[in-house]
Full PDB file with SEQRES, HELIX, SHEET, SSBOND, CRYST1, ORIGX, SCALE, CONECT and MASTER records, all heavy atoms in Angstrom:
SEQRES   1 A   42  GLN MET THR SER ALA GLU ALA VAL LYS LYS LEU SER LYS          
SEQRES   2 A   42  ALA ASP ILE ALA LYS LEU ASN VAL ALA TYR LYS ALA PHE          
SEQRES   3 A   42  ASN ALA THR THR ASP GLN ARG THR ALA VAL VAL LYS ASN          
SEQRES   4 A   42  MET LYS GLN                                                  
HELIX    1 AA1 ALA A    5  LYS A    9  1                                   5    
HELIX    2 AA2 LYS A   13  ASN A   27  1                                  15    
HELIX    3 AA3 THR A   30  LYS A   41  1                                  12    
CRYST1    1.000    1.000    1.000  90.00  90.00  90.00 P 1           1          
ORIGX1      1.000000  0.000000  0.000000        0.00000                         
ORIGX2      0.000000  1.000000  0.000000        0.00000                         
ORIGX3      0.000000  0.000000  1.000000        0.00000                         
SCALE1      1.000000  0.000000  0.000000        0.00000                         
SCALE2      0.000000  1.000000  0.000000        0.00000                         
SCALE3      0.000000  0.000000  1.000000        0.00000                         
ATOM      1  N   GLN A   1       0.822  -1.222   0.000  1.00  0.00           N  
ATOM      2  CA  GLN A   1       0.000   0.000   0.000  1.00  0.00           C  
ATOM      3  C   GLN A   1       0.854   1.269   0.000  1.00  0.00           C  
ATOM      4  O   GLN A   1       0.315   2.362  -0.132  1.00  0.00           O  
ATOM      5  CB  GLN A   1      -0.922   0.019   1.223  1.00  0.00           C  
ATOM      6  CG  GLN A   1      -1.965  -1.074   1.205  1.00  0.00           C  
ATOM      7  CD  GLN A   1      -2.729  -1.152   2.513  1.00  0.00           C  
ATOM      8  OE1 GLN A   1      -2.136  -1.195   3.582  1.00  0.00           O  
ATOM      9  NE2 GLN A   1      -4.058  -1.146   2.412  1.00  0.00           N  
ATOM     10  N   MET A   2       2.152   1.131   0.118  1.00  0.00           N  
ATOM     11  CA  MET A   2       3.029   2.300   0.223  1.00  0.00           C  
ATOM     12  C   MET A   2       3.120   3.083  -1.081  1.00  0.00           C  
ATOM     13  O   MET A   2       3.639   4.198  -1.090  1.00  0.00           O  
ATOM     14  CB  MET A   2       4.419   1.884   0.708  1.00  0.00           C  
ATOM     15  CG  MET A   2       4.436   1.387   2.145  1.00  0.00           C  
ATOM     16  SD  MET A   2       3.784   2.575   3.353  1.00  0.00           S  
ATOM     17  CE  MET A   2       5.041   3.838   3.275  1.00  0.00           C  
ATOM     18  N   THR A   3       2.613   2.550  -2.165  1.00  0.00           N  
ATOM     19  CA  THR A   3       2.588   3.302  -3.422  1.00  0.00           C  
ATOM     20  C   THR A   3       1.315   4.135  -3.542  1.00  0.00           C  
ATOM     21  O   THR A   3       1.180   4.921  -4.471  1.00  0.00           O  
ATOM     22  CB  THR A   3       2.705   2.358  -4.637  1.00  0.00           C  
ATOM     23  OG1 THR A   3       1.635   1.409  -4.584  1.00  0.00           O  
ATOM     24  CG2 THR A   3       4.050   1.638  -4.644  1.00  0.00           C  
ATOM     25  N   SER A   4       0.416   3.964  -2.596  1.00  0.00           N  
ATOM     26  CA  SER A   4      -0.841   4.716  -2.604  1.00  0.00           C  
ATOM     27  C   SER A   4      -0.654   6.028  -1.837  1.00  0.00           C  
ATOM     28  O   SER A   4      -0.410   6.022  -0.625  1.00  0.00           O  
ATOM     29  CB  SER A   4      -1.947   3.888  -1.941  1.00  0.00           C  
ATOM     30  OG  SER A   4      -3.050   4.712  -1.619  1.00  0.00           O  
ATOM     31  N   ALA A   5      -0.791   7.138  -2.537  1.00  0.00           N  
ATOM     32  CA  ALA A   5      -0.658   8.451  -1.901  1.00  0.00           C  
ATOM     33  C   ALA A   5      -1.670   8.604  -0.778  1.00  0.00           C  
ATOM     34  O   ALA A   5      -1.371   9.197   0.266  1.00  0.00           O  
ATOM     35  CB  ALA A   5      -0.828   9.563  -2.942  1.00  0.00           C  
ATOM     36  N   GLU A   6      -2.840   8.048  -0.964  1.00  0.00           N  
ATOM     37  CA  GLU A   6      -3.895   8.141   0.047  1.00  0.00           C  
ATOM     38  C   GLU A   6      -3.496   7.412   1.332  1.00  0.00           C  
ATOM     39  O   GLU A   6      -3.681   7.926   2.431  1.00  0.00           O  
ATOM     40  CB  GLU A   6      -5.203   7.560  -0.506  1.00  0.00           C  
ATOM     41  CG  GLU A   6      -6.394   7.800   0.395  1.00  0.00           C  
ATOM     42  CD  GLU A   6      -7.685   7.336  -0.262  1.00  0.00           C  
ATOM     43  OE1 GLU A   6      -7.887   7.617  -1.460  1.00  0.00           O  
ATOM     44  OE2 GLU A   6      -8.469   6.675   0.435  1.00  0.00           O  
ATOM     45  N   ALA A   7      -2.930   6.226   1.200  1.00  0.00           N  
ATOM     46  CA  ALA A   7      -2.507   5.452   2.372  1.00  0.00           C  
ATOM     47  C   ALA A   7      -1.350   6.133   3.088  1.00  0.00           C  
ATOM     48  O   ALA A   7      -1.332   6.224   4.321  1.00  0.00           O  
ATOM     49  CB  ALA A   7      -2.109   4.041   1.959  1.00  0.00           C  
ATOM     50  N   VAL A   8      -0.403   6.647   2.329  1.00  0.00           N  
ATOM     51  CA  VAL A   8       0.774   7.294   2.909  1.00  0.00           C  
ATOM     52  C   VAL A   8       0.390   8.608   3.587  1.00  0.00           C  
ATOM     53  O   VAL A   8       0.940   8.950   4.636  1.00  0.00           O  
ATOM     54  CB  VAL A   8       1.867   7.510   1.833  1.00  0.00           C  
ATOM     55  CG1 VAL A   8       3.023   8.325   2.374  1.00  0.00           C  
ATOM     56  CG2 VAL A   8       2.350   6.160   1.302  1.00  0.00           C  
ATOM     57  N   LYS A   9      -0.570   9.314   3.013  1.00  0.00           N  
ATOM     58  CA  LYS A   9      -1.003  10.597   3.563  1.00  0.00           C  
ATOM     59  C   LYS A   9      -1.571  10.441   4.979  1.00  0.00           C  
ATOM     60  O   LYS A   9      -1.461  11.349   5.805  1.00  0.00           O  
ATOM     61  CB  LYS A   9      -2.057  11.222   2.636  1.00  0.00           C  
ATOM     62  CG  LYS A   9      -2.478  12.622   3.011  1.00  0.00           C  
ATOM     63  CD  LYS A   9      -3.284  13.325   1.928  1.00  0.00           C  
ATOM     64  CE  LYS A   9      -4.483  12.531   1.469  1.00  0.00           C  
ATOM     65  NZ  LYS A   9      -5.367  13.290   0.569  1.00  0.00           N  
ATOM     66  N   LYS A  10      -2.100   9.286   5.295  1.00  0.00           N  
ATOM     67  CA  LYS A  10      -2.691   9.035   6.606  1.00  0.00           C  
ATOM     68  C   LYS A  10      -1.638   8.763   7.691  1.00  0.00           C  
ATOM     69  O   LYS A  10      -1.965   8.746   8.872  1.00  0.00           O  
ATOM     70  CB  LYS A  10      -3.648   7.841   6.532  1.00  0.00           C  
ATOM     71  CG  LYS A  10      -4.866   8.102   5.676  1.00  0.00           C  
ATOM     72  CD  LYS A  10      -5.734   6.865   5.595  1.00  0.00           C  
ATOM     73  CE  LYS A  10      -6.923   7.101   4.667  1.00  0.00           C  
ATOM     74  NZ  LYS A  10      -7.754   5.898   4.556  1.00  0.00           N  
ATOM     75  N   LEU A  11      -0.409   8.551   7.292  1.00  0.00           N  
ATOM     76  CA  LEU A  11       0.646   8.233   8.247  1.00  0.00           C  
ATOM     77  C   LEU A  11       1.110   9.489   8.989  1.00  0.00           C  
ATOM     78  O   LEU A  11       1.266  10.547   8.389  1.00  0.00           O  
ATOM     79  CB  LEU A  11       1.842   7.597   7.544  1.00  0.00           C  
ATOM     80  CG  LEU A  11       1.595   6.249   6.887  1.00  0.00           C  
ATOM     81  CD1 LEU A  11       2.808   5.823   6.080  1.00  0.00           C  
ATOM     82  CD2 LEU A  11       1.247   5.198   7.927  1.00  0.00           C  
ATOM     83  N   SER A  12       1.354   9.331  10.274  1.00  0.00           N  
ATOM     84  CA  SER A  12       1.885  10.439  11.073  1.00  0.00           C  
ATOM     85  C   SER A  12       3.386  10.572  10.830  1.00  0.00           C  
ATOM     86  O   SER A  12       4.013   9.672  10.247  1.00  0.00           O  
ATOM     87  CB  SER A  12       1.625  10.179  12.560  1.00  0.00           C  
ATOM     88  OG  SER A  12       2.440   9.101  13.008  1.00  0.00           O  
ATOM     89  N   LYS A  13       3.972  11.654  11.304  1.00  0.00           N  
ATOM     90  CA  LYS A  13       5.421  11.829  11.187  1.00  0.00           C  
ATOM     91  C   LYS A  13       6.150  10.716  11.943  1.00  0.00           C  
ATOM     92  O   LYS A  13       7.182  10.232  11.497  1.00  0.00           O  
ATOM     93  CB  LYS A  13       5.838  13.201  11.713  1.00  0.00           C  
ATOM     94  CG  LYS A  13       5.471  14.332  10.790  1.00  0.00           C  
ATOM     95  CD  LYS A  13       5.970  15.663  11.323  1.00  0.00           C  
ATOM     96  CE  LYS A  13       5.535  16.767  10.368  1.00  0.00           C  
ATOM     97  NZ  LYS A  13       6.051  18.072  10.775  1.00  0.00           N  
ATOM     98  N   ALA A  14       5.602  10.325  13.084  1.00  0.00           N  
ATOM     99  CA  ALA A  14       6.208   9.239  13.863  1.00  0.00           C  
ATOM    100  C   ALA A  14       6.148   7.920  13.089  1.00  0.00           C  
ATOM    101  O   ALA A  14       7.120   7.145  13.114  1.00  0.00           O  
ATOM    102  CB  ALA A  14       5.512   9.091  15.214  1.00  0.00           C  
ATOM    103  N   ASP A  15       5.029   7.682  12.405  1.00  0.00           N  
ATOM    104  CA  ASP A  15       4.902   6.469  11.585  1.00  0.00           C  
ATOM    105  C   ASP A  15       5.941   6.470  10.466  1.00  0.00           C  
ATOM    106  O   ASP A  15       6.607   5.456  10.220  1.00  0.00           O  
ATOM    107  CB  ASP A  15       3.503   6.373  10.973  1.00  0.00           C  
ATOM    108  CG  ASP A  15       2.409   6.063  11.979  1.00  0.00           C  
ATOM    109  OD1 ASP A  15       2.726   5.572  13.078  1.00  0.00           O  
ATOM    110  OD2 ASP A  15       1.225   6.330  11.650  1.00  0.00           O  
ATOM    111  N   ILE A  16       6.077   7.584   9.799  1.00  0.00           N  
ATOM    112  CA  ILE A  16       7.030   7.697   8.692  1.00  0.00           C  
ATOM    113  C   ILE A  16       8.461   7.508   9.202  1.00  0.00           C  
ATOM    114  O   ILE A  16       9.270   6.829   8.574  1.00  0.00           O  
ATOM    115  CB  ILE A  16       6.851   9.028   7.944  1.00  0.00           C  
ATOM    116  CG1 ILE A  16       5.502   9.011   7.213  1.00  0.00           C  
ATOM    117  CG2 ILE A  16       7.992   9.280   6.971  1.00  0.00           C  
ATOM    118  CD1 ILE A  16       5.081  10.327   6.610  1.00  0.00           C  
ATOM    119  N   ALA A  17       8.740   8.090  10.360  1.00  0.00           N  
ATOM    120  CA  ALA A  17      10.074   7.935  10.948  1.00  0.00           C  
ATOM    121  C   ALA A  17      10.351   6.469  11.270  1.00  0.00           C  
ATOM    122  O   ALA A  17      11.453   5.953  11.017  1.00  0.00           O  
ATOM    123  CB  ALA A  17      10.199   8.791  12.203  1.00  0.00           C  
ATOM    124  N   LYS A  18       9.358   5.771  11.812  1.00  0.00           N  
ATOM    125  CA  LYS A  18       9.495   4.343  12.142  1.00  0.00           C  
ATOM    126  C   LYS A  18       9.773   3.534  10.870  1.00  0.00           C  
ATOM    127  O   LYS A  18      10.645   2.660  10.863  1.00  0.00           O  
ATOM    128  CB  LYS A  18       8.219   3.840  12.815  1.00  0.00           C  
ATOM    129  CG  LYS A  18       8.283   2.404  13.276  1.00  0.00           C  
ATOM    130  CD  LYS A  18       7.003   1.977  13.944  1.00  0.00           C  
ATOM    131  CE  LYS A  18       6.910   2.663  15.276  1.00  0.00           C  
ATOM    132  NZ  LYS A  18       5.866   2.167  16.147  1.00  0.00           N  
ATOM    133  N   LEU A  19       9.030   3.828   9.818  1.00  0.00           N  
ATOM    134  CA  LEU A  19       9.249   3.121   8.553  1.00  0.00           C  
ATOM    135  C   LEU A  19      10.637   3.413   7.987  1.00  0.00           C  
ATOM    136  O   LEU A  19      11.317   2.512   7.499  1.00  0.00           O  
ATOM    137  CB  LEU A  19       8.169   3.500   7.538  1.00  0.00           C  
ATOM    138  CG  LEU A  19       6.756   3.008   7.849  1.00  0.00           C  
ATOM    139  CD1 LEU A  19       5.762   3.610   6.872  1.00  0.00           C  
ATOM    140  CD2 LEU A  19       6.686   1.490   7.826  1.00  0.00           C  
ATOM    141  N   ASN A  20      11.051   4.661   8.068  1.00  0.00           N  
ATOM    142  CA  ASN A  20      12.360   5.041   7.537  1.00  0.00           C  
ATOM    143  C   ASN A  20      13.494   4.311   8.245  1.00  0.00           C  
ATOM    144  O   ASN A  20      14.474   3.916   7.610  1.00  0.00           O  
ATOM    145  CB  ASN A  20      12.566   6.554   7.592  1.00  0.00           C  
ATOM    146  CG  ASN A  20      11.863   7.262   6.448  1.00  0.00           C  
ATOM    147  OD1 ASN A  20      11.636   6.672   5.397  1.00  0.00           O  
ATOM    148  ND2 ASN A  20      11.511   8.509   6.654  1.00  0.00           N  
ATOM    149  N   VAL A  21      13.371   4.133   9.553  1.00  0.00           N  
ATOM    150  CA  VAL A  21      14.392   3.385  10.297  1.00  0.00           C  
ATOM    151  C   VAL A  21      14.485   1.959   9.755  1.00  0.00           C  
ATOM    152  O   VAL A  21      15.578   1.444   9.503  1.00  0.00           O  
ATOM    153  CB  VAL A  21      14.089   3.397  11.814  1.00  0.00           C  
ATOM    154  CG1 VAL A  21      14.948   2.387  12.560  1.00  0.00           C  
ATOM    155  CG2 VAL A  21      14.277   4.794  12.393  1.00  0.00           C  
ATOM    156  N   ALA A  22      13.342   1.331   9.561  1.00  0.00           N  
ATOM    157  CA  ALA A  22      13.319  -0.046   9.049  1.00  0.00           C  
ATOM    158  C   ALA A  22      13.854  -0.126   7.621  1.00  0.00           C  
ATOM    159  O   ALA A  22      14.636  -1.028   7.291  1.00  0.00           O  
ATOM    160  CB  ALA A  22      11.903  -0.613   9.115  1.00  0.00           C  
ATOM    161  N   TYR A  23      13.447   0.822   6.779  1.00  0.00           N  
ATOM    162  CA  TYR A  23      13.920   0.821   5.390  1.00  0.00           C  
ATOM    163  C   TYR A  23      15.424   1.057   5.328  1.00  0.00           C  
ATOM    164  O   TYR A  23      16.134   0.418   4.543  1.00  0.00           O  
ATOM    165  CB  TYR A  23      13.210   1.899   4.566  1.00  0.00           C  
ATOM    166  CG  TYR A  23      11.724   1.711   4.389  1.00  0.00           C  
ATOM    167  CD1 TYR A  23      10.927   2.788   4.014  1.00  0.00           C  
ATOM    168  CD2 TYR A  23      11.093   0.492   4.585  1.00  0.00           C  
ATOM    169  CE1 TYR A  23       9.551   2.650   3.838  1.00  0.00           C  
ATOM    170  CE2 TYR A  23       9.731   0.348   4.412  1.00  0.00           C  
ATOM    171  CZ  TYR A  23       8.962   1.427   4.040  1.00  0.00           C  
ATOM    172  OH  TYR A  23       7.615   1.286   3.863  1.00  0.00           O  
ATOM    173  N   LYS A  24      15.928   1.983   6.137  1.00  0.00           N  
ATOM    174  CA  LYS A  24      17.370   2.260   6.137  1.00  0.00           C  
ATOM    175  C   LYS A  24      18.160   1.041   6.590  1.00  0.00           C  
ATOM    176  O   LYS A  24      19.216   0.748   6.040  1.00  0.00           O  
ATOM    177  CB  LYS A  24      17.683   3.471   7.016  1.00  0.00           C  
ATOM    178  CG  LYS A  24      17.308   4.785   6.361  1.00  0.00           C  
ATOM    179  CD  LYS A  24      17.634   5.968   7.260  1.00  0.00           C  
ATOM    180  CE  LYS A  24      17.212   7.266   6.592  1.00  0.00           C  
ATOM    181  NZ  LYS A  24      17.469   8.428   7.441  1.00  0.00           N  
ATOM    182  N   ALA A  25      17.651   0.353   7.597  1.00  0.00           N  
ATOM    183  CA  ALA A  25      18.333  -0.861   8.074  1.00  0.00           C  
ATOM    184  C   ALA A  25      18.387  -1.909   6.962  1.00  0.00           C  
ATOM    185  O   ALA A  25      19.424  -2.543   6.740  1.00  0.00           O  
ATOM    186  CB  ALA A  25      17.629  -1.416   9.307  1.00  0.00           C  
ATOM    187  N   PHE A  26      17.284  -2.091   6.248  1.00  0.00           N  
ATOM    188  CA  PHE A  26      17.240  -3.044   5.138  1.00  0.00           C  
ATOM    189  C   PHE A  26      18.202  -2.616   4.026  1.00  0.00           C  
ATOM    190  O   PHE A  26      18.978  -3.421   3.509  1.00  0.00           O  
ATOM    191  CB  PHE A  26      15.814  -3.153   4.587  1.00  0.00           C  
ATOM    192  CG  PHE A  26      15.667  -4.125   3.449  1.00  0.00           C  
ATOM    193  CD1 PHE A  26      15.514  -5.480   3.693  1.00  0.00           C  
ATOM    194  CD2 PHE A  26      15.676  -3.688   2.133  1.00  0.00           C  
ATOM    195  CE1 PHE A  26      15.377  -6.385   2.647  1.00  0.00           C  
ATOM    196  CE2 PHE A  26      15.537  -4.582   1.082  1.00  0.00           C  
ATOM    197  CZ  PHE A  26      15.388  -5.930   1.336  1.00  0.00           C  
ATOM    198  N   ASN A  27      18.160  -1.336   3.674  1.00  0.00           N  
ATOM    199  CA  ASN A  27      19.020  -0.830   2.601  1.00  0.00           C  
ATOM    200  C   ASN A  27      20.498  -0.847   2.971  1.00  0.00           C  
ATOM    201  O   ASN A  27      21.354  -0.822   2.088  1.00  0.00           O  
ATOM    202  CB  ASN A  27      18.583   0.569   2.180  1.00  0.00           C  
ATOM    203  CG  ASN A  27      17.253   0.557   1.461  1.00  0.00           C  
ATOM    204  OD1 ASN A  27      16.866  -0.442   0.856  1.00  0.00           O  
ATOM    205  ND2 ASN A  27      16.521   1.655   1.546  1.00  0.00           N  
ATOM    206  N   ALA A  28      20.799  -0.884   4.257  1.00  0.00           N  
ATOM    207  CA  ALA A  28      22.191  -0.906   4.723  1.00  0.00           C  
ATOM    208  C   ALA A  28      22.789  -2.314   4.721  1.00  0.00           C  
ATOM    209  O   ALA A  28      23.890  -2.513   5.227  1.00  0.00           O  
ATOM    210  CB  ALA A  28      22.278  -0.294   6.116  1.00  0.00           C  
ATOM    211  N   THR A  29      22.095  -3.266   4.141  1.00  0.00           N  
ATOM    212  CA  THR A  29      22.599  -4.649   4.113  1.00  0.00           C  
ATOM    213  C   THR A  29      23.353  -4.976   2.828  1.00  0.00           C  
ATOM    214  O   THR A  29      23.492  -6.141   2.466  1.00  0.00           O  
ATOM    215  CB  THR A  29      21.446  -5.664   4.304  1.00  0.00           C  
ATOM    216  OG1 THR A  29      20.500  -5.510   3.238  1.00  0.00           O  
ATOM    217  CG2 THR A  29      20.777  -5.508   5.657  1.00  0.00           C  
ATOM    218  N   THR A  30      23.862  -3.966   2.176  1.00  0.00           N  
ATOM    219  CA  THR A  30      24.596  -4.183   0.927  1.00  0.00           C  
ATOM    220  C   THR A  30      25.767  -5.136   1.136  1.00  0.00           C  
ATOM    221  O   THR A  30      25.980  -6.050   0.330  1.00  0.00           O  
ATOM    222  CB  THR A  30      25.083  -2.845   0.346  1.00  0.00           C  
ATOM    223  OG1 THR A  30      23.952  -2.003   0.134  1.00  0.00           O  
ATOM    224  CG2 THR A  30      25.822  -3.029  -0.958  1.00  0.00           C  
ATOM    225  N   ASP A  31      26.523  -4.945   2.200  1.00  0.00           N  
ATOM    226  CA  ASP A  31      27.675  -5.826   2.450  1.00  0.00           C  
ATOM    227  C   ASP A  31      27.229  -7.271   2.671  1.00  0.00           C  
ATOM    228  O   ASP A  31      27.867  -8.202   2.177  1.00  0.00           O  
ATOM    229  CB  ASP A  31      28.471  -5.346   3.663  1.00  0.00           C  
ATOM    230  CG  ASP A  31      29.216  -4.041   3.402  1.00  0.00           C  
ATOM    231  OD1 ASP A  31      29.367  -3.656   2.224  1.00  0.00           O  
ATOM    232  OD2 ASP A  31      29.638  -3.410   4.392  1.00  0.00           O  
ATOM    233  N   GLN A  32      26.145  -7.447   3.407  1.00  0.00           N  
ATOM    234  CA  GLN A  32      25.644  -8.796   3.669  1.00  0.00           C  
ATOM    235  C   GLN A  32      25.145  -9.454   2.386  1.00  0.00           C  
ATOM    236  O   GLN A  32      25.407 -10.630   2.134  1.00  0.00           O  
ATOM    237  CB  GLN A  32      24.518  -8.766   4.717  1.00  0.00           C  
ATOM    238  CG  GLN A  32      24.998  -8.446   6.107  1.00  0.00           C  
ATOM    239  CD  GLN A  32      25.185  -6.952   6.364  1.00  0.00           C  
ATOM    240  OE1 GLN A  32      24.877  -6.112   5.528  1.00  0.00           O  
ATOM    241  NE2 GLN A  32      25.685  -6.624   7.550  1.00  0.00           N  
ATOM    242  N   ARG A  33      24.409  -8.692   1.577  1.00  0.00           N  
ATOM    243  CA  ARG A  33      23.911  -9.248   0.317  1.00  0.00           C  
ATOM    244  C   ARG A  33      25.070  -9.622  -0.605  1.00  0.00           C  
ATOM    245  O   ARG A  33      25.058 -10.680  -1.236  1.00  0.00           O  
ATOM    246  CB  ARG A  33      22.952  -8.275  -0.360  1.00  0.00           C  
ATOM    247  CG  ARG A  33      21.601  -8.219   0.365  1.00  0.00           C  
ATOM    248  CD  ARG A  33      20.631  -7.259  -0.281  1.00  0.00           C  
ATOM    249  NE  ARG A  33      20.812  -5.963   0.365  1.00  0.00           N  
ATOM    250  CZ  ARG A  33      20.661  -4.798  -0.222  1.00  0.00           C  
ATOM    251  NH1 ARG A  33      20.333  -4.729  -1.483  1.00  0.00           N  
ATOM    252  NH2 ARG A  33      20.835  -3.692   0.440  1.00  0.00           N  
ATOM    253  N   THR A  34      26.081  -8.757  -0.657  1.00  0.00           N  
ATOM    254  CA  THR A  34      27.257  -9.042  -1.478  1.00  0.00           C  
ATOM    255  C   THR A  34      27.957 -10.302  -0.988  1.00  0.00           C  
ATOM    256  O   THR A  34      28.347 -11.160  -1.790  1.00  0.00           O  
ATOM    257  CB  THR A  34      28.230  -7.847  -1.454  1.00  0.00           C  
ATOM    258  OG1 THR A  34      27.556  -6.701  -1.992  1.00  0.00           O  
ATOM    259  CG2 THR A  34      29.485  -8.117  -2.256  1.00  0.00           C  
ATOM    260  N   ALA A  35      28.081 -10.446   0.329  1.00  0.00           N  
ATOM    261  CA  ALA A  35      28.756 -11.623   0.906  1.00  0.00           C  
ATOM    262  C   ALA A  35      28.017 -12.912   0.582  1.00  0.00           C  
ATOM    263  O   ALA A  35      28.645 -13.912   0.208  1.00  0.00           O  
ATOM    264  CB  ALA A  35      28.900 -11.454   2.416  1.00  0.00           C  
ATOM    265  N   VAL A  36      26.691 -12.918   0.719  1.00  0.00           N  
ATOM    266  CA  VAL A  36      25.964 -14.172   0.476  1.00  0.00           C  
ATOM    267  C   VAL A  36      25.938 -14.513  -1.005  1.00  0.00           C  
ATOM    268  O   VAL A  36      26.023 -15.688  -1.367  1.00  0.00           O  
ATOM    269  CB  VAL A  36      24.540 -14.185   1.089  1.00  0.00           C  
ATOM    270  CG1 VAL A  36      24.604 -14.009   2.600  1.00  0.00           C  
ATOM    271  CG2 VAL A  36      23.624 -13.174   0.462  1.00  0.00           C  
ATOM    272  N   VAL A  37      25.842 -13.513  -1.856  1.00  0.00           N  
ATOM    273  CA  VAL A  37      25.864 -13.779  -3.305  1.00  0.00           C  
ATOM    274  C   VAL A  37      27.213 -14.365  -3.706  1.00  0.00           C  
ATOM    275  O   VAL A  37      27.286 -15.353  -4.444  1.00  0.00           O  
ATOM    276  CB  VAL A  37      25.531 -12.500  -4.104  1.00  0.00           C  
ATOM    277  CG1 VAL A  37      25.846 -12.671  -5.576  1.00  0.00           C  
ATOM    278  CG2 VAL A  37      24.064 -12.129  -3.919  1.00  0.00           C  
ATOM    279  N   LYS A  38      28.290 -13.783  -3.192  1.00  0.00           N  
ATOM    280  CA  LYS A  38      29.637 -14.289  -3.486  1.00  0.00           C  
ATOM    281  C   LYS A  38      29.793 -15.713  -2.958  1.00  0.00           C  
ATOM    282  O   LYS A  38      30.318 -16.585  -3.641  1.00  0.00           O  
ATOM    283  CB  LYS A  38      30.683 -13.371  -2.860  1.00  0.00           C  
ATOM    284  CG  LYS A  38      32.107 -13.799  -3.107  1.00  0.00           C  
ATOM    285  CD  LYS A  38      33.089 -12.835  -2.470  1.00  0.00           C  
ATOM    286  CE  LYS A  38      34.519 -13.308  -2.669  1.00  0.00           C  
ATOM    287  NZ  LYS A  38      35.476 -12.426  -1.988  1.00  0.00           N  
ATOM    288  N   ASN A  39      29.312 -15.948  -1.741  1.00  0.00           N  
ATOM    289  CA  ASN A  39      29.427 -17.262  -1.139  1.00  0.00           C  
ATOM    290  C   ASN A  39      28.626 -18.313  -1.898  1.00  0.00           C  
ATOM    291  O   ASN A  39      29.092 -19.432  -2.104  1.00  0.00           O  
ATOM    292  CB  ASN A  39      28.997 -17.220   0.327  1.00  0.00           C  
ATOM    293  CG  ASN A  39      29.135 -18.560   0.978  1.00  0.00           C  
ATOM    294  OD1 ASN A  39      28.174 -19.334   1.029  1.00  0.00           O  
ATOM    295  ND2 ASN A  39      30.326 -18.868   1.463  1.00  0.00           N  
ATOM    296  N   MET A  40      27.408 -17.958  -2.319  1.00  0.00           N  
ATOM    297  CA  MET A  40      26.594 -18.918  -3.079  1.00  0.00           C  
ATOM    298  C   MET A  40      27.301 -19.316  -4.369  1.00  0.00           C  
ATOM    299  O   MET A  40      27.253 -20.472  -4.775  1.00  0.00           O  
ATOM    300  CB  MET A  40      25.219 -18.326  -3.408  1.00  0.00           C  
ATOM    301  CG  MET A  40      24.277 -18.281  -2.249  1.00  0.00           C  
ATOM    302  SD  MET A  40      22.605 -17.770  -2.744  1.00  0.00           S  
ATOM    303  CE  MET A  40      22.866 -16.051  -3.138  1.00  0.00           C  
ATOM    304  N   LYS A  41      27.955 -18.349  -4.987  1.00  0.00           N  
ATOM    305  CA  LYS A  41      28.660 -18.633  -6.236  1.00  0.00           C  
ATOM    306  C   LYS A  41      29.857 -19.551  -5.986  1.00  0.00           C  
ATOM    307  O   LYS A  41      30.055 -20.528  -6.701  1.00  0.00           O  
ATOM    308  CB  LYS A  41      29.122 -17.334  -6.897  1.00  0.00           C  
ATOM    309  CG  LYS A  41      29.746 -17.531  -8.252  1.00  0.00           C  
ATOM    310  CD  LYS A  41      30.038 -16.217  -8.920  1.00  0.00           C  
ATOM    311  CE  LYS A  41      30.583 -16.454 -10.319  1.00  0.00           C  
ATOM    312  NZ  LYS A  41      30.812 -15.198 -11.022  1.00  0.00           N  
ATOM    313  N   GLN A  42      30.636 -19.239  -4.940  1.00  0.00           N  
ATOM    314  CA  GLN A  42      31.822 -20.042  -4.641  1.00  0.00           C  
ATOM    315  C   GLN A  42      31.461 -21.420  -4.090  1.00  0.00           C  
ATOM    316  O   GLN A  42      32.009 -22.430  -4.517  1.00  0.00           O  
ATOM    317  CB  GLN A  42      32.701 -19.316  -3.612  1.00  0.00           C  
ATOM    318  CG  GLN A  42      33.383 -18.097  -4.150  1.00  0.00           C  
ATOM    319  CD  GLN A  42      34.129 -17.325  -3.056  1.00  0.00           C  
ATOM    320  OE1 GLN A  42      33.864 -17.464  -1.877  1.00  0.00           O  
ATOM    321  NE2 GLN A  42      35.063 -16.497  -3.489  1.00  0.00           N  
TER     322      GLN A  42                                                      
MASTER        0    0    0    3    0    0    0    6  321    1    0    4          
END                                                                             
């Protein structure tokens, strides 16, 4: 539902901040993703 402007508009600043923390943590896993992809190949 995050692509729906209507759904996102209903979120509070605290809600958006909570989501951003989770998204940033997920996006910060570049090193882990690189490691597992390399390992699967080897």
